[in-house]
Structures are given as structure tokens and as C-alpha cells.
PDB file of N, CA and C in Angstrom:
ATOM      1  N   MET A   1     -12.500  -6.854   2.050  1.00  0.00           N
ATOM      2  CA  MET A   1     -12.725  -5.522   1.552  1.00  0.00           C
ATOM      3  C   MET A   1     -11.785  -4.573   2.303  1.00  0.00           C
ATOM      4  N   LYS A   2     -11.171  -3.665   1.576  1.00  0.00           N
ATOM      5  CA  LYS A   2     -10.245  -2.691   2.154  1.00  0.00           C
ATOM      6  C   LYS A   2     -10.928  -1.335   2.279  1.00  0.00           C
ATOM      7  N   TYR A   3     -10.455  -0.551   3.244  1.00  0.00           N
ATOM      8  CA  TYR A   3     -10.993   0.781   3.518  1.00  0.00           C
ATOM      9  C   TYR A   3      -9.853   1.777   3.530  1.00  0.00           C
ATOM     10  N   ARG A   4     -10.185   3.050   3.189  1.00  0.00           N
ATOM     11  CA  ARG A   4      -9.154   4.085   3.201  1.00  0.00           C
ATOM     12  C   ARG A   4      -9.795   5.462   3.327  1.00  0.00           C
ATOM     13  N   VAL A   5      -8.974   6.429   3.682  1.00  0.00           N
ATOM     14  CA  VAL A   5      -9.349   7.839   3.674  1.00  0.00           C
ATOM     15  C   VAL A   5      -8.573   8.456   2.518  1.00  0.00           C
ATOM     16  N   GLU A   6      -9.288   8.982   1.529  1.00  0.00           N
ATOM     17  CA  GLU A   6      -8.616   9.510   0.345  1.00  0.00           C
ATOM     18  C   GLU A   6      -7.824  10.772   0.665  1.00  0.00           C
ATOM     19  N   VAL A   7      -8.450  11.716   1.345  1.00  0.00           N
ATOM     20  CA  VAL A   7      -7.794  12.971   1.704  1.00  0.00           C
ATOM     21  C   VAL A   7      -7.937  13.157   3.211  1.00  0.00           C
ATOM     22  N   PRO A   8      -6.841  13.029   3.970  1.00  0.00           N
ATOM     23  CA  PRO A   8      -6.938  13.209   5.422  1.00  0.00           C
ATOM     24  C   PRO A   8      -7.449  14.600   5.779  1.00  0.00           C
ATOM     25  N   GLY A   9      -8.271  14.654   6.802  1.00  0.00           N
ATOM     26  CA  GLY A   9      -8.810  15.922   7.279  1.00  0.00           C
ATOM     27  C   GLY A   9      -8.059  16.391   8.510  1.00  0.00           C
ATOM     28  N   ARG A  10      -8.714  17.253   9.258  1.00  0.00           N
ATOM     29  CA  ARG A  10      -8.118  17.790  10.484  1.00  0.00           C
ATOM     30  C   ARG A  10      -9.026  17.468  11.663  1.00  0.00           C
ATOM     31  N   PHE A  11      -8.403  17.198  12.802  1.00  0.00           N
ATOM     32  CA  PHE A  11      -9.138  16.889  14.019  1.00  0.00           C
ATOM     33  C   PHE A  11      -9.020  18.038  15.005  1.00  0.00           C
ATOM     34  N   HIS A  12     -10.088  18.253  15.751  1.00  0.00           N
ATOM     35  CA  HIS A  12     -10.056  19.161  16.881  1.00  0.00           C
ATOM     36  C   HIS A  12     -10.624  18.393  18.059  1.00  0.00           C
ATOM     37  N   ASP A  13      -9.772  18.107  19.035  1.00  0.00           N
ATOM     38  CA  ASP A  13     -10.185  17.336  20.207  1.00  0.00           C
ATOM     39  C   ASP A  13     -10.695  18.291  21.264  1.00  0.00           C
ATOM     40  N   CYS A  14     -11.938  18.142  21.589  1.00  0.00           N
ATOM     41  CA  CYS A  14     -12.555  19.016  22.592  1.00  0.00           C
ATOM     42  C   CYS A  14     -12.306  18.513  24.010  1.00  0.00           C
ATOM     43  N   GLY A  15     -11.496  17.473  24.162  1.00  0.00           N
ATOM     44  CA  GLY A  15     -11.226  16.921  25.479  1.00  0.00           C
ATOM     45  C   GLY A  15     -12.400  16.137  26.038  1.00  0.00           C
ATOM     46  N   GLU A  16     -13.288  15.743  25.167  1.00  0.00           N
ATOM     47  CA  GLU A  16     -14.445  14.971  25.583  1.00  0.00           C
ATOM     48  C   GLU A  16     -14.403  13.633  24.856  1.00  0.00           C
ATOM     49  N   GLU A  17     -15.504  12.911  24.865  1.00  0.00           N
ATOM     50  CA  GLU A  17     -15.538  11.614  24.197  1.00  0.00           C
ATOM     51  C   GLU A  17     -15.758  11.731  22.703  1.00  0.00           C
ATOM     52  N   SER A  18     -15.915  12.934  22.202  1.00  0.00           N
ATOM     53  CA  SER A  18     -16.093  13.121  20.771  1.00  0.00           C
ATOM     54  C   SER A  18     -15.071  14.117  20.240  1.00  0.00           C
ATOM     55  N   VAL A  19     -14.880  14.062  18.939  1.00  0.00           N
ATOM     56  CA  VAL A  19     -13.865  14.864  18.258  1.00  0.00           C
ATOM     57  C   VAL A  19     -14.533  15.537  17.065  1.00  0.00           C
ATOM     58  N   VAL A  20     -14.158  16.753  16.791  1.00  0.00           N
ATOM     59  CA  VAL A  20     -14.620  17.434  15.586  1.00  0.00           C
ATOM     60  C   VAL A  20     -13.639  17.099  14.475  1.00  0.00           C
ATOM     61  N   TYR A  21     -14.186  16.612  13.369  1.00  0.00           N
ATOM     62  CA  TYR A  21     -13.369  16.252  12.208  1.00  0.00           C
ATOM     63  C   TYR A  21     -13.763  17.148  11.043  1.00  0.00           C
ATOM     64  N   PHE A  22     -12.784  17.851  10.480  1.00  0.00           N
ATOM     65  CA  PHE A  22     -13.015  18.692   9.312  1.00  0.00           C
ATOM     66  C   PHE A  22     -12.479  17.962   8.092  1.00  0.00           C
ATOM     67  N   ASP A  23     -13.372  17.649   7.154  1.00  0.00           N
ATOM     68  CA  ASP A  23     -13.019  16.941   5.932  1.00  0.00           C
ATOM     69  C   ASP A  23     -12.534  17.982   4.914  1.00  0.00           C
ATOM     70  N   LEU A  24     -11.237  17.983   4.644  1.00  0.00           N
ATOM     71  CA  LEU A  24     -10.645  18.966   3.733  1.00  0.00           C
ATOM     72  C   LEU A  24     -11.176  18.835   2.313  1.00  0.00           C
ATOM     73  N   GLN A  25     -11.537  17.625   1.909  1.00  0.00           N
ATOM     74  CA  GLN A  25     -12.002  17.414   0.539  1.00  0.00           C
ATOM     75  C   GLN A  25     -13.401  17.983   0.327  1.00  0.00           C
ATOM     76  N   SER A  26     -14.319  17.699   1.264  1.00  0.00           N
ATOM     77  CA  SER A  26     -15.711  18.134   1.088  1.00  0.00           C
ATOM     78  C   SER A  26     -16.003  19.481   1.745  1.00  0.00           C
ATOM     79  N   GLY A  27     -15.179  19.849   2.729  1.00  0.00           N
ATOM     80  CA  GLY A  27     -15.445  21.064   3.493  1.00  0.00           C
ATOM     81  C   GLY A  27     -16.440  20.842   4.619  1.00  0.00           C
ATOM     82  N   ASP A  28     -16.864  19.583   4.814  1.00  0.00           N
ATOM     83  CA  ASP A  28     -17.827  19.252   5.864  1.00  0.00           C
ATOM     84  C   ASP A  28     -17.130  19.075   7.212  1.00  0.00           C
ATOM     85  N   THR A  29     -17.863  19.373   8.257  1.00  0.00           N
ATOM     86  CA  THR A  29     -17.394  19.165   9.619  1.00  0.00           C
ATOM     87  C   THR A  29     -18.294  18.120  10.269  1.00  0.00           C
ATOM     88  N   HIS A  30     -17.680  17.155  10.962  1.00  0.00           N
ATOM     89  CA  HIS A  30     -18.424  16.064  11.582  1.00  0.00           C
ATOM     90  C   HIS A  30     -18.003  15.905  13.037  1.00  0.00           C
ATOM     91  N   LEU A  31     -18.942  15.555  13.885  1.00  0.00           N
ATOM     92  CA  LEU A  31     -18.652  15.196  15.266  1.00  0.00           C
ATOM     93  C   LEU A  31     -18.599  13.679  15.321  1.00  0.00           C
ATOM     94  N   VAL A  32     -17.438  13.126  15.626  1.00  0.00           N
ATOM     95  CA  VAL A  32     -17.249  11.677  15.663  1.00  0.00           C
ATOM     96  C   VAL A  32     -16.696  11.275  17.021  1.00  0.00           C
ATOM     97  N   SER A  33     -16.840  10.001  17.343  1.00  0.00           N
ATOM     98  CA  SER A  33     -16.302   9.498  18.607  1.00  0.00           C
ATOM     99  C   SER A  33     -14.776   9.477  18.550  1.00  0.00           C
ATOM    100  N   ASP A  34     -14.154   9.421  19.726  1.00  0.00           N
ATOM    101  CA  ASP A  34     -12.700   9.305  19.788  1.00  0.00           C
ATOM    102  C   ASP A  34     -12.230   8.079  19.011  1.00  0.00           C
ATOM    103  N   PHE A  35     -12.983   6.969  19.160  1.00  0.00           N
ATOM    104  CA  PHE A  35     -12.604   5.730  18.490  1.00  0.00           C
ATOM    105  C   PHE A  35     -12.715   5.882  16.974  1.00  0.00           C
ATOM    106  N   ALA A  36     -13.790   6.507  16.489  1.00  0.00           N
ATOM    107  CA  ALA A  36     -13.937   6.734  15.050  1.00  0.00           C
ATOM    108  C   ALA A  36     -12.804   7.614  14.540  1.00  0.00           C
ATOM    109  N   ALA A  37     -12.404   8.609  15.309  1.00  0.00           N
ATOM    110  CA  ALA A  37     -11.286   9.472  14.927  1.00  0.00           C
ATOM    111  C   ALA A  37      -9.996   8.656  14.821  1.00  0.00           C
ATOM    112  N   HIS A  38      -9.815   7.716  15.734  1.00  0.00           N
ATOM    113  CA  HIS A  38      -8.641   6.847  15.701  1.00  0.00           C
ATOM    114  C   HIS A  38      -8.654   6.006  14.422  1.00  0.00           C
ATOM    115  N   ILE A  39      -9.809   5.493  14.053  1.00  0.00           N
ATOM    116  CA  ILE A  39      -9.944   4.703  12.827  1.00  0.00           C
ATOM    117  C   ILE A  39      -9.638   5.575  11.600  1.00  0.00           C
ATOM    118  N   ILE A  40     -10.182   6.785  11.573  1.00  0.00           N
ATOM    119  CA  ILE A  40      -9.916   7.698  10.458  1.00  0.00           C
ATOM    120  C   ILE A  40      -8.412   7.955  10.333  1.00  0.00           C
ATOM    121  N   ALA A  41      -7.753   8.209  11.448  1.00  0.00           N
ATOM    122  CA  ALA A  41      -6.314   8.480  11.424  1.00  0.00           C
ATOM    123  C   ALA A  41      -5.535   7.275  10.906  1.00  0.00           C
ATOM    124  N   LEU A  42      -5.918   6.079  11.314  1.00  0.00           N
ATOM    125  CA  LEU A  42      -5.245   4.872  10.823  1.00  0.00           C
ATOM    126  C   LEU A  42      -5.431   4.713   9.317  1.00  0.00           C
ATOM    127  N   LEU A  43      -6.659   4.959   8.842  1.00  0.00           N
ATOM    128  CA  LEU A  43      -6.947   4.781   7.422  1.00  0.00           C
ATOM    129  C   LEU A  43      -6.380   5.908   6.565  1.00  0.00           C
ATOM    130  N   ALA A  44      -5.983   7.000   7.184  1.00  0.00           N
ATOM    131  CA  ALA A  44      -5.322   8.074   6.444  1.00  0.00           C
ATOM    132  C   ALA A  44      -3.888   7.688   6.105  1.00  0.00           C
ATOM    133  N   ASP A  45      -3.315   6.776   6.908  1.00  0.00           N
ATOM    134  CA  ASP A  45      -1.940   6.345   6.681  1.00  0.00           C
ATOM    135  C   ASP A  45      -1.833   5.247   5.628  1.00  0.00           C
ATOM    136  N   ARG A  46      -2.839   4.339   5.604  1.00  0.00           N
ATOM    137  CA  ARG A  46      -2.793   3.243   4.633  1.00  0.00           C
ATOM    138  C   ARG A  46      -4.153   2.566   4.535  1.00  0.00           C
ATOM    139  N   THR A  47      -4.347   1.833   3.474  1.00  0.00           N
ATOM    140  CA  THR A  47      -5.566   1.065   3.248  1.00  0.00           C
ATOM    141  C   THR A  47      -5.507  -0.201   4.104  1.00  0.00           C
ATOM    142  N   MET A  48      -6.624  -0.515   4.784  1.00  0.00           N
ATOM    143  CA  MET A  48      -6.677  -1.696   5.647  1.00  0.00           C
ATOM    144  C   MET A  48      -8.023  -2.378   5.523  1.00  0.00           C
ATOM    145  N   ASP A  49      -8.024  -3.689   5.824  1.00  0.00           N
ATOM    146  CA  ASP A  49      -9.296  -4.391   5.958  1.00  0.00           C
ATOM    147  C   ASP A  49      -9.667  -4.426   7.444  1.00  0.00           C
ATOM    148  N   ILE A  50     -10.815  -5.004   7.748  1.00  0.00           N
ATOM    149  CA  ILE A  50     -11.290  -4.985   9.138  1.00  0.00           C
ATOM    150  C   ILE A  50     -10.312  -5.684  10.072  1.00  0.00           C
ATOM    151  N   GLN A  51      -9.781  -6.829   9.672  1.00  0.00           N
ATOM    152  CA  GLN A  51      -8.853  -7.548  10.556  1.00  0.00           C
ATOM    153  C   GLN A  51      -7.590  -6.738  10.811  1.00  0.00           C
ATOM    154  N   GLU A  52      -7.091  -6.055   9.798  1.00  0.00           N
ATOM    155  CA  GLU A  52      -5.913  -5.205   9.981  1.00  0.00           C
ATOM    156  C   GLU A  52      -6.213  -4.052  10.932  1.00  0.00           C
ATOM    157  N   LEU A  53      -7.430  -3.496  10.847  1.00  0.00           N
ATOM    158  CA  LEU A  53      -7.827  -2.435  11.776  1.00  0.00           C
ATOM    159  C   LEU A  53      -7.891  -2.952  13.202  1.00  0.00           C
ATOM    160  N   VAL A  54      -8.479  -4.127  13.394  1.00  0.00           N
ATOM    161  CA  VAL A  54      -8.561  -4.721  14.736  1.00  0.00           C
ATOM    162  C   VAL A  54      -7.154  -4.917  15.291  1.00  0.00           C
ATOM    163  N   THR A  55      -6.267  -5.443  14.476  1.00  0.00           N
ATOM    164  CA  THR A  55      -4.884  -5.663  14.907  1.00  0.00           C
ATOM    165  C   THR A  55      -4.199  -4.343  15.257  1.00  0.00           C
ATOM    166  N   ALA A  56      -4.469  -3.306  14.466  1.00  0.00           N
ATOM    167  CA  ALA A  56      -3.835  -2.005  14.696  1.00  0.00           C
ATOM    168  C   ALA A  56      -4.308  -1.339  15.986  1.00  0.00           C
ATOM    169  N   VAL A  57      -5.580  -1.517  16.349  1.00  0.00           N
ATOM    170  CA  VAL A  57      -6.096  -0.854  17.548  1.00  0.00           C
ATOM    171  C   VAL A  57      -6.019  -1.722  18.793  1.00  0.00           C
ATOM    172  N   ALA A  58      -5.803  -3.019  18.630  1.00  0.00           N
ATOM    173  CA  ALA A  58      -5.788  -3.937  19.773  1.00  0.00           C
ATOM    174  C   ALA A  58      -4.843  -3.508  20.893  1.00  0.00           C
ATOM    175  N   PRO A  59      -3.628  -3.026  20.598  1.00  0.00           N
ATOM    176  CA  PRO A  59      -2.742  -2.619  21.693  1.00  0.00           C
ATOM    177  C   PRO A  59      -3.253  -1.411  22.486  1.00  0.00           C
ATOM    178  N   ASP A  60      -4.177  -0.655  21.913  1.00  0.00           N
ATOM    179  CA  ASP A  60      -4.661   0.570  22.546  1.00  0.00           C
ATOM    180  C   ASP A  60      -5.924   0.378  23.379  1.00  0.00           C
ATOM    181  N   ILE A  61      -6.464  -0.838  23.403  1.00  0.00           N
ATOM    182  CA  ILE A  61      -7.705  -1.078  24.137  1.00  0.00           C
ATOM    183  C   ILE A  61      -7.530  -2.230  25.113  1.00  0.00           C
ATOM    184  N   GLU A  62      -8.444  -2.313  26.056  1.00  0.00           N
ATOM    185  CA  GLU A  62      -8.436  -3.409  27.021  1.00  0.00           C
ATOM    186  C   GLU A  62      -8.777  -4.711  26.303  1.00  0.00           C
ATOM    187  N   ALA A  63      -8.134  -5.798  26.685  1.00  0.00           N
ATOM    188  CA  ALA A  63      -8.370  -7.098  26.052  1.00  0.00           C
ATOM    189  C   ALA A  63      -9.834  -7.513  26.145  1.00  0.00           C
ATOM    190  N   ASP A  64     -10.498  -7.159  27.257  1.00  0.00           N
ATOM    191  CA  ASP A  64     -11.907  -7.515  27.433  1.00  0.00           C
ATOM    192  C   ASP A  64     -12.812  -6.774  26.448  1.00  0.00           C
ATOM    193  N   ASP A  65     -12.344  -5.644  25.929  1.00  0.00           N
ATOM    194  CA  ASP A  65     -13.142  -4.845  24.990  1.00  0.00           C
ATOM    195  C   ASP A  65     -12.972  -5.273  23.537  1.00  0.00           C
ATOM    196  N   LEU A  66     -12.015  -6.153  23.261  1.00  0.00           N
ATOM    197  CA  LEU A  66     -11.727  -6.547  21.885  1.00  0.00           C
ATOM    198  C   LEU A  66     -12.918  -7.191  21.170  1.00  0.00           C
ATOM    199  N   PRO A  67     -13.675  -8.106  21.807  1.00  0.00           N
ATOM    200  CA  PRO A  67     -14.842  -8.665  21.104  1.00  0.00           C
ATOM    201  C   PRO A  67     -15.881  -7.605  20.740  1.00  0.00           C
ATOM    202  N   ALA A  68     -16.146  -6.666  21.634  1.00  0.00           N
ATOM    203  CA  ALA A  68     -17.116  -5.600  21.342  1.00  0.00           C
ATOM    204  C   ALA A  68     -16.599  -4.714  20.215  1.00  0.00           C
ATOM    205  N   LEU A  69     -15.312  -4.439  20.210  1.00  0.00           N
ATOM    206  CA  LEU A  69     -14.705  -3.646  19.147  1.00  0.00           C
ATOM    207  C   LEU A  69     -14.879  -4.342  17.805  1.00  0.00           C
ATOM    208  N   THR A  70     -14.562  -5.611  17.763  1.00  0.00           N
ATOM    209  CA  THR A  70     -14.665  -6.374  16.524  1.00  0.00           C
ATOM    210  C   THR A  70     -16.099  -6.365  16.004  1.00  0.00           C
ATOM    211  N   GLU A  71     -17.050  -6.442  16.905  1.00  0.00           N
ATOM    212  CA  GLU A  71     -18.460  -6.428  16.512  1.00  0.00           C
ATOM    213  C   GLU A  71     -18.907  -5.042  16.049  1.00  0.00           C
ATOM    214  N   ALA A  72     -18.397  -3.989  16.675  1.00  0.00           N
ATOM    215  CA  ALA A  72     -18.828  -2.618  16.364  1.00  0.00           C
ATOM    216  C   ALA A  72     -18.146  -2.038  15.128  1.00  0.00           C
ATOM    217  N   LEU A  73     -16.993  -2.527  14.782  1.00  0.00           N
ATOM    218  CA  LEU A  73     -16.206  -1.928  13.707  1.00  0.00           C
ATOM    219  C   LEU A  73     -16.942  -1.847  12.365  1.00  0.00           C
ATOM    220  N   PRO A  74     -17.654  -2.875  11.905  1.00  0.00           N
ATOM    221  CA  PRO A  74     -18.378  -2.739  10.635  1.00  0.00           C
ATOM    222  C   PRO A  74     -19.403  -1.599  10.654  1.00  0.00           C
ATOM    223  N   ASP A  75     -20.087  -1.407  11.769  1.00  0.00           N
ATOM    224  CA  ASP A  75     -21.064  -0.312  11.866  1.00  0.00           C
ATOM    225  C   ASP A  75     -20.374   1.050  11.848  1.00  0.00           C
ATOM    226  N   ILE A  76     -19.240   1.155  12.529  1.00  0.00           N
ATOM    227  CA  ILE A  76     -18.485   2.409  12.541  1.00  0.00           C
ATOM    228  C   ILE A  76     -17.992   2.733  11.130  1.00  0.00           C
ATOM    229  N   LEU A  77     -17.468   1.727  10.441  1.00  0.00           N
ATOM    230  CA  LEU A  77     -17.007   1.938   9.072  1.00  0.00           C
ATOM    231  C   LEU A  77     -18.165   2.323   8.152  1.00  0.00           C
ATOM    232  N   ALA A  78     -19.310   1.674   8.318  1.00  0.00           N
ATOM    233  CA  ALA A  78     -20.485   2.006   7.500  1.00  0.00           C
ATOM    234  C   ALA A  78     -20.903   3.460   7.712  1.00  0.00           C
ATOM    235  N   GLU A  79     -20.862   3.917   8.960  1.00  0.00           N
ATOM    236  CA  GLU A  79     -21.212   5.309   9.255  1.00  0.00           C
ATOM    237  C   GLU A  79     -20.200   6.269   8.627  1.00  0.00           C
ATOM    238  N   LEU A  80     -18.920   5.949   8.728  1.00  0.00           N
ATOM    239  CA  LEU A  80     -17.886   6.796   8.134  1.00  0.00           C
ATOM    240  C   LEU A  80     -17.976   6.802   6.600  1.00  0.00           C
ATOM    241  N   ILE A  81     -18.401   5.694   6.023  1.00  0.00           N
ATOM    242  CA  ILE A  81     -18.626   5.634   4.576  1.00  0.00           C
ATOM    243  C   ILE A  81     -19.812   6.510   4.203  1.00  0.00           C
ATOM    244  N   SER A  82     -20.883   6.434   4.986  1.00  0.00           N
ATOM    245  CA  SER A  82     -22.073   7.245   4.684  1.00  0.00           C
ATOM    246  C   SER A  82     -21.783   8.745   4.801  1.00  0.00           C
ATOM    247  N   LEU A  83     -20.827   9.109   5.659  1.00  0.00           N
ATOM    248  CA  LEU A  83     -20.415  10.511   5.794  1.00  0.00           C
ATOM    249  C   LEU A  83     -19.386  10.908   4.726  1.00  0.00           C
ATOM    250  N   GLU A  84     -18.999   9.945   3.904  1.00  0.00           N
ATOM    251  CA  GLU A  84     -18.016  10.119   2.842  1.00  0.00           C
ATOM    252  C   GLU A  84     -16.646  10.525   3.377  1.00  0.00           C
ATOM    253  N   ILE A  85     -16.330  10.027   4.578  1.00  0.00           N
ATOM    254  CA  ILE A  85     -15.001  10.217   5.154  1.00  0.00           C
ATOM    255  C   ILE A  85     -14.103   9.057   4.746  1.00  0.00           C
ATOM    256  N   VAL A  86     -14.641   7.848   4.765  1.00  0.00           N
ATOM    257  CA  VAL A  86     -13.926   6.618   4.437  1.00  0.00           C
ATOM    258  C   VAL A  86     -14.496   6.073   3.137  1.00  0.00           C
ATOM    259  N   GLU A  87     -13.610   5.465   2.349  1.00  0.00           N
ATOM    260  CA  GLU A  87     -14.006   4.832   1.093  1.00  0.00           C
ATOM    261  C   GLU A  87     -13.681   3.346   1.148  1.00  0.00           C
ATOM    262  N   GLN A  88     -14.487   2.569   0.462  1.00  0.00           N
ATOM    263  CA  GLN A  88     -14.163   1.153   0.268  1.00  0.00           C
ATOM    264  C   GLN A  88     -13.400   1.038  -1.039  1.00  0.00           C
ATOM    265  N   GLY A  89     -12.452   0.134  -1.049  1.00  0.00           N
ATOM    266  CA  GLY A  89     -11.734   0.006  -2.305  1.00  0.00           C
ATOM    267  C   GLY A  89     -10.802  -1.152  -2.340  1.00  0.00           C
TER     268      GLY A  89
END
């Protein structure tokens, strides 16, 4: 299954572990984790499946964190889908 962001929004980094994301399409504002913001930014550039996302973020994380990332990614994507930021397609 592939995932994408139809209309990229805007980020405001508060310098903390969370980021404010403004969805230009819906007009909604969301507080998301830095990692979720990274996923949104990747999916704004192109459609990817979970393995492609893992490969794309792997260089940016510690090797020891990769298994936890792989396990958490479906839940993060599900949350972003429920917020209507990410689409399956």
C-alpha cells in the first residue's frame, strides 16, 4: 500500500519535540511529533510504501532505533490518515 500527502502544508517548529502543521487544504492545524513531520515532508515529495519510508528515514536515525521505527510507522501513518493529512492510494 502506498501513502502520500495530496497538498503539502506548512510547518512551524517550536524547537521542541513537536511541530505545528498547518494543512493548507483543510485549514486545520495539528500538533505532530518531529518524526511525524519528517514523514509528512517525505510523503509531500512522492508516494511511498512503508518499506520505502523506512529506507528514506534510516540514514537519519540510530541503527538501534530502526526496529522500533519499523514497528511504530504503521501507527503513525494511521494517525496521519485519521487527521486527513496523509492518504492511502
